[in-house]
Amino acid sequence: MFINKTKKRGQALVEYALIIASMAVLLISSLGYIGNNVNNSFSRINNSFTLTTP
């Protein structure tokens, strides 16, 4: 009976670790995507303020 409880506890720990790892991968990839979009937006805004000589 004691072995079964520790086995379930270990299994739950592994499942939580996999969930946290997958969430970290999704968070990092989404932040990279959002960061590129924000950078492109600021670059376009900056380029619109540059002075052009006729």
Protein backbone atom coordinates (compact mmCIF):
# COMPACT_ATOMS: atom_id res chain seq x y z
CA MET A 1 0.00 0.00 0.00
CA PHE A 2 2.84 2.43 0.80
CA ILE A 3 4.63 1.69 -2.46
CA ASN A 4 1.49 2.46 -4.46
CA LYS A 5 1.13 5.92 -2.86
CA THR A 6 4.74 6.86 -3.58
CA LYS A 7 4.40 5.60 -7.15
CA LYS A 8 1.33 7.81 -7.67
CA ARG A 9 3.08 10.75 -6.06
CA GLY A 10 6.07 10.29 -8.36
CA GLN A 11 3.82 9.98 -11.37
CA ALA A 12 2.01 13.20 -10.45
CA LEU A 13 5.35 14.97 -10.01
CA VAL A 14 6.46 13.91 -13.48
CA GLU A 15 3.15 15.02 -14.98
CA TYR A 16 3.43 18.44 -13.32
CA ALA A 17 7.01 18.77 -14.53
CA LEU A 18 5.94 18.00 -18.11
CA ILE A 19 3.12 20.54 -17.91
CA ILE A 20 5.46 23.22 -16.57
CA ALA A 21 8.08 22.44 -19.22
CA SER A 22 5.54 22.65 -22.04
CA MET A 23 4.18 25.92 -20.68
CA ALA A 24 7.71 27.33 -20.53
CA VAL A 25 8.36 26.38 -24.16
CA LEU A 26 5.10 28.01 -25.26
CA LEU A 27 5.81 31.14 -23.23
CA ILE A 28 9.33 31.54 -24.60
CA SER A 29 8.24 31.02 -28.20
CA SER A 30 5.29 33.41 -27.87
CA LEU A 31 7.46 36.09 -26.26
CA GLY A 32 9.92 35.76 -29.13
CA TYR A 33 7.13 36.19 -31.65
CA ILE A 34 5.59 39.14 -29.82
CA GLY A 35 9.01 40.72 -29.36
CA ASN A 36 9.69 40.62 -33.09
CA ASN A 37 6.30 42.19 -33.83
CA VAL A 38 6.85 44.97 -31.30
CA ASN A 39 10.33 45.63 -32.69
CA ASN A 40 8.97 45.85 -36.23
CA SER A 41 6.23 48.23 -35.12
CA PHE A 42 8.67 50.56 -33.39
CA SER A 43 10.96 50.45 -36.41
CA ARG A 44 8.11 51.49 -38.69
CA ILE A 45 7.15 54.31 -36.33
CA ASN A 46 10.76 55.45 -36.13
CA ASN A 47 11.11 55.37 -39.91
CA SER A 48 7.98 57.49 -40.31
CA PHE A 49 9.55 60.24 -38.18
CA THR A 50 12.80 60.40 -40.09
CA LEU A 51 13.31 63.52 -42.14
CA THR A 52 13.59 63.16 -45.85
CA THR A 53 15.45 65.76 -47.83
CA PRO A 54 13.80 66.82 -51.09
